[in-house]
Amino acid sequence: MKYLVTGGAGFLGSHLVDELVRHGDEILAIDDLSTGHIGHLHEAQLRGQVQLHTMDIRDQDLRLIAQRFAPQVVVHLAAQASVAASVEDPIRDADINVLGTINVLEAAKRSGAQRVVYSSSGGAIHGAGSKLPTKETHVARPEAPYGVSKLASMEYLPLYKRAHGLDYVTLLLSNLYGPRQSATTEGGVVAIFIKTLLAGGTPTVHGDGSHTRDLVYVEDAVQAFILAAHKGGGRSLHVSSGRETSVSDLYAAARKVVGGSARPMYGPARNGDIVRSVLDPSAAFRHLGWKATTSLPAGLAATAEWFRHNSASLD
């Protein structure tokens, strides 16, 4: 199959490209390299048919490029993904996440793609106060512009299905972690802990450590995207472990994998951080046959091993 992957040089995108190459698929990666890295795609380009086009998803030339490539599936991962940045500049956040998504959908429609698989955020959209584990049917109450922009952009997918016959699946992700994750992003708590511990530093925990997250290993998430690309069906599905892990327990597990006895520093909680977050992934299992299979210790060990040898590539 032919895939157009926006954000294809990023953390999740590059892992997806790797797996698609293993399947023998042809990929056009679109990335402005604001957070992605060309090096993430080096091995995939050596092993398979992978093009990288450096451009912003808001660029109208994306439509022409997509028409020439004629993908069967468009996987839309590129986004402004910082909650803090969305609070500081909600106009830019909406411009990228809403108008950028519309441009990607227009490109998919004009290129004759069969479906779009869209990456969204479960925690940011549902907000606080939901019954845990949160189901997809929970009333959305985003608490930051980022969640609002992702929620608004999701509404365009069923519209394009009704109006243009463009099939879709939206995957609402919990907290991804794994190799290649940047330690400079606010969602990269695992990368931050591991990289800091490996360097002999003392990580900072925001809040008292009781905040919880639903952690899913990146290669597990990749399998959900591939299943969704083949299945379709106009659904919105959680991609999560379904397990709640406190930041304190996560730190202890990361420290055990890396070694050492350093205690973290504690700082104030960040604005917009959800106190408890765990998503119900049962609908993804029913519709796609997908579930997360990598244990937290195994995922942390693989992540630490990568950072031991490659962390300088993200600096």
Protein backbone atom coordinates (compact mmCIF):
# COMPACT_ATOMS: atom_id res chain seq x y z
CA MET A 1 0.00 0.00 0.00
CA LYS A 2 0.94 3.65 -0.35
CA TYR A 3 0.83 5.81 2.77
CA LEU A 4 1.15 9.55 3.23
CA VAL A 5 2.23 10.17 6.84
CA THR A 6 2.24 13.71 8.23
CA GLY A 7 4.70 14.12 11.07
CA GLY A 8 6.52 11.14 9.58
CA ALA A 9 9.95 12.13 10.93
CA GLY A 10 8.67 12.53 14.48
CA PHE A 11 8.63 10.21 17.46
CA LEU A 12 5.49 8.23 16.63
CA GLY A 13 5.67 8.87 12.90
CA SER A 14 9.14 7.42 12.41
CA HIS A 15 8.23 4.25 14.30
CA LEU A 16 5.16 3.92 12.09
CA VAL A 17 7.27 4.40 8.96
CA ASP A 18 9.68 1.70 10.17
CA GLU A 19 6.83 -0.77 10.56
CA LEU A 20 5.25 0.11 7.21
CA VAL A 21 8.60 -0.50 5.51
CA ARG A 22 8.71 -3.94 7.15
CA HIS A 23 5.32 -4.58 5.54
CA GLY A 24 6.69 -3.57 2.13
CA ASP A 25 4.61 -0.40 1.88
CA GLU A 26 5.60 2.82 0.11
CA ILE A 27 5.63 5.98 2.25
CA LEU A 28 5.63 9.71 1.65
CA ALA A 29 6.49 11.42 4.93
CA ILE A 30 5.52 15.07 5.37
CA ASP A 31 7.30 16.91 8.19
CA ASP A 32 8.40 20.50 8.79
CA LEU A 33 11.16 19.16 11.09
CA SER A 34 10.19 21.55 13.89
CA THR A 35 10.23 18.56 16.25
CA GLY A 36 10.97 15.70 13.86
CA HIS A 37 14.46 14.53 12.87
CA ILE A 38 15.71 13.39 9.47
CA GLY A 39 17.89 10.81 11.21
CA HIS A 40 14.80 9.00 12.51
CA LEU A 41 14.06 7.92 8.93
CA HIS A 42 17.58 7.00 7.85
CA GLU A 43 17.30 3.24 8.33
CA ALA A 44 13.80 3.11 6.82
CA GLN A 45 15.02 4.96 3.72
CA LEU A 46 17.86 2.45 3.33
CA ARG A 47 15.50 -0.51 3.61
CA GLY A 48 12.42 0.63 1.71
CA GLN A 49 10.57 3.16 -0.39
CA VAL A 50 10.44 6.24 1.85
CA GLN A 51 10.32 9.82 0.61
CA LEU A 52 10.54 12.81 2.95
CA HIS A 53 9.05 16.12 1.88
CA THR A 54 9.86 18.98 4.26
CA MET A 55 6.82 21.23 4.51
CA ASP A 56 4.17 22.62 6.83
CA ILE A 57 0.81 20.83 6.79
CA ARG A 58 -0.86 24.23 6.23
CA ASP A 59 0.94 24.67 2.89
CA GLN A 60 -1.57 24.36 0.05
CA ASP A 61 1.09 22.65 -2.07
CA LEU A 62 0.43 19.62 0.11
CA ARG A 63 -2.65 18.98 -2.02
CA LEU A 64 -0.60 18.83 -5.23
CA ILE A 65 2.05 16.62 -3.65
CA ALA A 66 -0.61 14.24 -2.37
CA GLN A 67 -2.27 14.09 -5.80
CA ARG A 68 1.04 13.14 -7.44
CA PHE A 69 1.79 10.46 -4.85
CA ALA A 70 -1.81 9.10 -4.79
CA PRO A 71 -1.79 7.41 -1.36
CA GLN A 72 -4.41 4.87 -0.40
CA VAL A 73 -4.17 5.89 3.26
CA VAL A 74 -3.29 9.20 4.90
CA VAL A 75 -2.07 9.02 8.49
CA HIS A 76 -2.24 12.46 10.08
CA LEU A 77 0.10 12.78 13.06
CA ALA A 78 1.51 16.30 12.65
CA ALA A 79 0.24 18.78 15.24
CA GLN A 80 1.00 21.55 17.66
CA ALA A 81 1.08 19.26 20.68
CA SER A 82 2.13 21.47 23.59
CA VAL A 83 -0.56 22.36 26.11
CA ALA A 84 1.57 25.24 27.46
CA ALA A 85 2.17 26.62 23.96
CA SER A 86 -1.56 26.44 23.23
CA VAL A 87 -2.30 28.52 26.32
CA GLU A 88 0.32 31.09 25.35
CA ASP A 89 -0.75 31.30 21.70
CA PRO A 90 -4.17 29.73 21.07
CA ILE A 91 -4.41 31.29 17.61
CA ARG A 92 -1.31 29.48 16.36
CA ASP A 93 -2.50 26.29 18.05
CA ALA A 94 -5.84 26.43 16.22
CA ASP A 95 -4.17 27.43 12.96
CA ILE A 96 -1.99 24.32 12.94
CA ASN A 97 -4.38 21.81 14.49
CA VAL A 98 -7.66 22.87 12.87
CA LEU A 99 -6.74 24.57 9.59
CA GLY A 100 -3.81 22.21 9.11
CA THR A 101 -6.10 19.22 9.54
CA ILE A 102 -8.59 20.61 7.03
CA ASN A 103 -5.75 21.02 4.53
CA VAL A 104 -4.69 17.41 5.11
CA LEU A 105 -8.28 16.24 4.58
CA GLU A 106 -8.50 18.25 1.37
CA ALA A 107 -5.26 16.64 0.22
CA ALA A 108 -6.62 13.20 1.06
CA LYS A 109 -9.88 13.88 -0.78
CA ARG A 110 -8.22 15.26 -3.91
CA SER A 111 -5.65 12.47 -4.05
CA GLY A 112 -8.30 9.75 -4.01
CA ALA A 113 -7.23 8.27 -0.68
CA GLN A 114 -9.54 5.63 0.77
CA ARG A 115 -9.24 6.72 4.38
CA VAL A 116 -7.54 8.93 6.94
CA VAL A 117 -6.22 7.71 10.27
CA TYR A 118 -6.07 10.69 12.61
CA SER A 119 -4.06 10.95 15.82
CA SER A 120 -5.76 12.81 18.65
CA SER A 121 -5.37 13.03 22.43
CA GLY A 122 -7.58 11.18 24.87
CA GLY A 123 -6.56 12.96 28.05
CA ALA A 124 -6.54 16.49 26.64
CA ILE A 125 -10.00 16.10 25.10
CA HIS A 126 -11.77 14.39 27.98
CA GLY A 127 -10.34 16.69 30.65
CA ALA A 128 -10.67 16.12 34.37
CA GLY A 129 -13.61 14.73 36.32
CA SER A 130 -14.51 11.84 34.04
CA LYS A 131 -15.32 8.37 35.34
CA LEU A 132 -12.20 6.22 35.20
CA PRO A 133 -11.24 4.44 33.07
CA THR A 134 -12.67 6.95 30.62
CA LYS A 135 -14.68 5.68 27.65
CA GLU A 136 -14.88 7.33 24.24
CA THR A 137 -18.51 8.25 24.97
CA HIS A 138 -17.54 10.51 27.87
CA VAL A 139 -18.59 14.13 27.31
CA ALA A 140 -15.54 16.07 26.17
CA ARG A 141 -14.44 18.86 28.49
CA PRO A 142 -11.01 20.02 27.33
CA GLU A 143 -9.22 22.31 29.77
CA ALA A 144 -6.73 23.95 27.40
CA PRO A 145 -6.82 25.35 23.85
CA TYR A 146 -4.85 22.32 22.65
CA GLY A 147 -7.68 19.97 23.66
CA VAL A 148 -10.25 22.27 22.07
CA SER A 149 -8.36 22.42 18.76
CA LYS A 150 -7.95 18.66 18.62
CA LEU A 151 -11.62 18.15 19.43
CA ALA A 152 -12.69 20.66 16.78
CA SER A 153 -10.48 19.05 14.14
CA MET A 154 -11.97 15.63 14.93
CA GLU A 155 -15.40 16.90 13.90
CA TYR A 156 -14.22 17.39 10.31
CA LEU A 157 -13.54 13.68 9.77
CA PRO A 158 -17.16 12.46 9.94
CA LEU A 159 -18.13 15.50 7.88
CA TYR A 160 -15.72 14.48 5.09
CA LYS A 161 -16.99 10.90 5.32
CA ARG A 162 -20.60 12.04 4.86
CA ALA A 163 -19.86 14.63 2.19
CA HIS A 164 -17.07 12.94 0.23
CA GLY A 165 -17.03 9.27 1.21
CA LEU A 166 -13.61 9.59 2.84
CA ASP A 167 -13.41 6.87 5.49
CA TYR A 168 -11.56 7.53 8.73
CA VAL A 169 -10.52 6.27 12.13
CA THR A 170 -9.55 8.64 14.93
CA LEU A 171 -7.18 7.17 17.50
CA LEU A 172 -7.20 9.00 20.82
CA LEU A 173 -3.83 8.33 22.40
CA SER A 174 -2.91 8.14 26.03
CA ASN A 175 0.68 8.91 27.11
CA LEU A 176 3.10 7.43 24.58
CA TYR A 177 6.70 6.67 25.47
CA GLY A 178 9.63 4.85 23.93
CA PRO A 179 12.83 5.28 21.91
CA ARG A 180 13.25 8.58 20.01
CA GLN A 181 10.95 10.53 22.30
CA SER A 182 12.26 14.00 23.00
CA ALA A 183 13.09 14.86 26.59
CA THR A 184 12.27 18.51 25.88
CA THR A 185 8.52 18.03 25.39
CA GLU A 186 6.04 18.32 28.25
CA GLY A 187 4.50 14.94 27.44
CA GLY A 188 7.85 13.18 27.42
CA VAL A 189 8.01 12.41 31.13
CA VAL A 190 9.56 8.97 30.57
CA ALA A 191 12.24 10.40 28.28
CA ILE A 192 12.93 13.19 30.77
CA PHE A 193 13.32 10.80 33.70
CA ILE A 194 15.52 8.32 31.83
CA LYS A 195 17.77 10.84 30.11
CA THR A 196 18.30 12.81 33.31
CA LEU A 197 19.03 9.68 35.36
CA LEU A 198 21.47 8.36 32.75
CA ALA A 199 23.32 11.70 32.89
CA GLY A 200 23.57 11.45 36.67
CA GLY A 201 21.14 14.30 37.23
CA THR A 202 18.10 14.72 39.45
CA PRO A 203 14.74 14.80 37.63
CA THR A 204 11.96 17.14 38.70
CA VAL A 205 8.48 15.84 39.48
CA HIS A 206 5.78 18.44 38.90
CA GLY A 207 3.38 18.22 41.82
CA ASP A 208 3.56 15.71 44.65
CA GLY A 209 3.93 12.64 42.42
CA SER A 210 0.35 11.45 42.85
CA HIS A 211 -0.72 12.53 39.34
CA THR A 212 -1.43 9.46 37.23
CA ARG A 213 -0.89 8.65 33.58
CA ASP A 214 -1.89 5.85 31.23
CA LEU A 215 1.37 4.82 29.57
CA VAL A 216 1.49 2.94 26.27
CA TYR A 217 4.66 1.88 24.47
CA VAL A 218 5.10 3.49 21.06
CA GLU A 219 5.45 0.22 19.13
CA ASP A 220 2.14 -0.98 20.57
CA ALA A 221 0.52 2.25 19.37
CA VAL A 222 1.98 1.74 15.89
CA GLN A 223 0.12 -1.55 15.59
CA ALA A 224 -3.14 0.26 16.31
CA PHE A 225 -2.49 2.68 13.45
CA ILE A 226 -1.77 -0.13 11.01
CA LEU A 227 -4.88 -2.04 12.03
CA ALA A 228 -6.96 1.14 11.70
CA ALA A 229 -5.47 1.85 8.26
CA HIS A 230 -6.72 -1.53 7.03
CA LYS A 231 -10.00 -1.68 8.93
CA GLY A 232 -11.45 1.84 8.79
CA GLY A 233 -15.04 2.18 9.87
CA GLY A 234 -15.57 5.80 10.93
CA ARG A 235 -14.75 5.25 14.60
CA SER A 236 -13.00 7.11 17.40
CA LEU A 237 -11.03 4.72 19.59
CA HIS A 238 -8.77 4.93 22.62
CA VAL A 239 -5.21 3.67 22.25
CA SER A 240 -4.05 3.10 25.80
CA SER A 241 -2.84 0.50 28.27
CA GLY A 242 -5.92 0.90 30.46
CA ARG A 243 -3.62 0.99 33.48
CA GLU A 244 -3.12 3.95 35.80
CA THR A 245 0.44 4.69 36.92
CA SER A 246 1.37 7.47 39.31
CA VAL A 247 4.30 9.70 38.44
CA SER A 248 6.01 8.57 41.64
CA ASP A 249 5.68 4.91 40.67
CA LEU A 250 6.86 5.72 37.15
CA TYR A 251 9.94 7.44 38.55
CA ALA A 252 10.70 4.46 40.79
CA ALA A 253 10.38 2.08 37.82
CA ALA A 254 12.61 4.26 35.63
CA ARG A 255 15.21 4.49 38.40
CA LYS A 256 15.17 0.71 38.78
CA VAL A 257 15.80 0.22 35.06
CA VAL A 258 18.56 2.83 34.85
CA GLY A 259 20.13 2.12 38.24
CA GLY A 260 21.00 4.48 41.05
CA SER A 261 19.23 5.81 44.08
CA ALA A 262 18.66 9.50 43.29
CA ARG A 263 15.46 10.93 44.70
CA PRO A 264 13.58 13.39 42.49
CA MET A 265 13.11 17.07 43.17
CA TYR A 266 9.53 18.28 43.52
CA GLY A 267 8.22 21.40 41.86
CA PRO A 268 4.82 23.04 41.46
CA ALA A 269 2.21 21.30 39.35
CA ARG A 270 1.87 22.70 35.83
CA ASN A 271 -1.21 24.55 34.65
CA GLY A 272 -3.48 22.32 32.61
CA ASP A 273 -2.06 19.04 33.93
CA ILE A 274 -4.79 16.45 34.56
CA VAL A 275 -4.59 14.92 38.03
CA ARG A 276 -5.74 11.41 37.01
CA SER A 277 -5.82 9.94 33.54
CA VAL A 278 -6.59 6.42 32.36
CA LEU A 279 -8.50 5.50 29.21
CA ASP A 280 -10.62 2.44 28.50
CA PRO A 281 -9.14 0.66 25.43
CA SER A 282 -11.80 -2.06 25.16
CA ALA A 283 -13.46 -0.54 22.05
CA ALA A 284 -10.16 -0.72 20.16
CA PHE A 285 -9.94 -4.40 21.03
CA ARG A 286 -13.50 -5.04 19.85
CA HIS A 287 -13.17 -3.06 16.60
CA LEU A 288 -9.51 -3.59 15.67
CA GLY A 289 -8.46 -6.59 17.73
CA TRP A 290 -5.80 -4.35 19.29
CA LYS A 291 -4.47 -4.20 22.81
CA ALA A 292 -1.24 -2.98 24.39
CA THR A 293 1.08 -5.92 25.05
CA THR A 294 4.35 -4.34 26.24
CA SER A 295 4.74 -4.23 30.02
CA LEU A 296 5.96 -1.02 31.60
CA PRO A 297 9.27 -2.58 32.80
CA ALA A 298 9.98 -3.99 29.33
CA GLY A 299 9.10 -0.71 27.62
CA LEU A 300 11.23 1.31 30.04
CA ALA A 301 14.17 -1.06 29.54
CA ALA A 302 13.98 -0.71 25.74
CA THR A 303 13.69 3.07 26.06
CA ALA A 304 16.67 3.29 28.42
CA GLU A 305 18.77 1.14 26.09
CA TRP A 306 18.04 3.45 23.18
CA PHE A 307 18.89 6.56 25.21
CA ARG A 308 22.19 5.03 26.30
CA HIS A 309 23.33 4.99 22.69
CA ASN A 310 21.32 7.66 20.88
CA SER A 311 20.20 10.49 23.15
CA ALA A 312 22.69 12.94 21.63
CA SER A 313 20.74 12.74 18.34
CA LEU A 314 17.84 14.62 20.00
CA ASP A 315 19.93 17.44 21.46
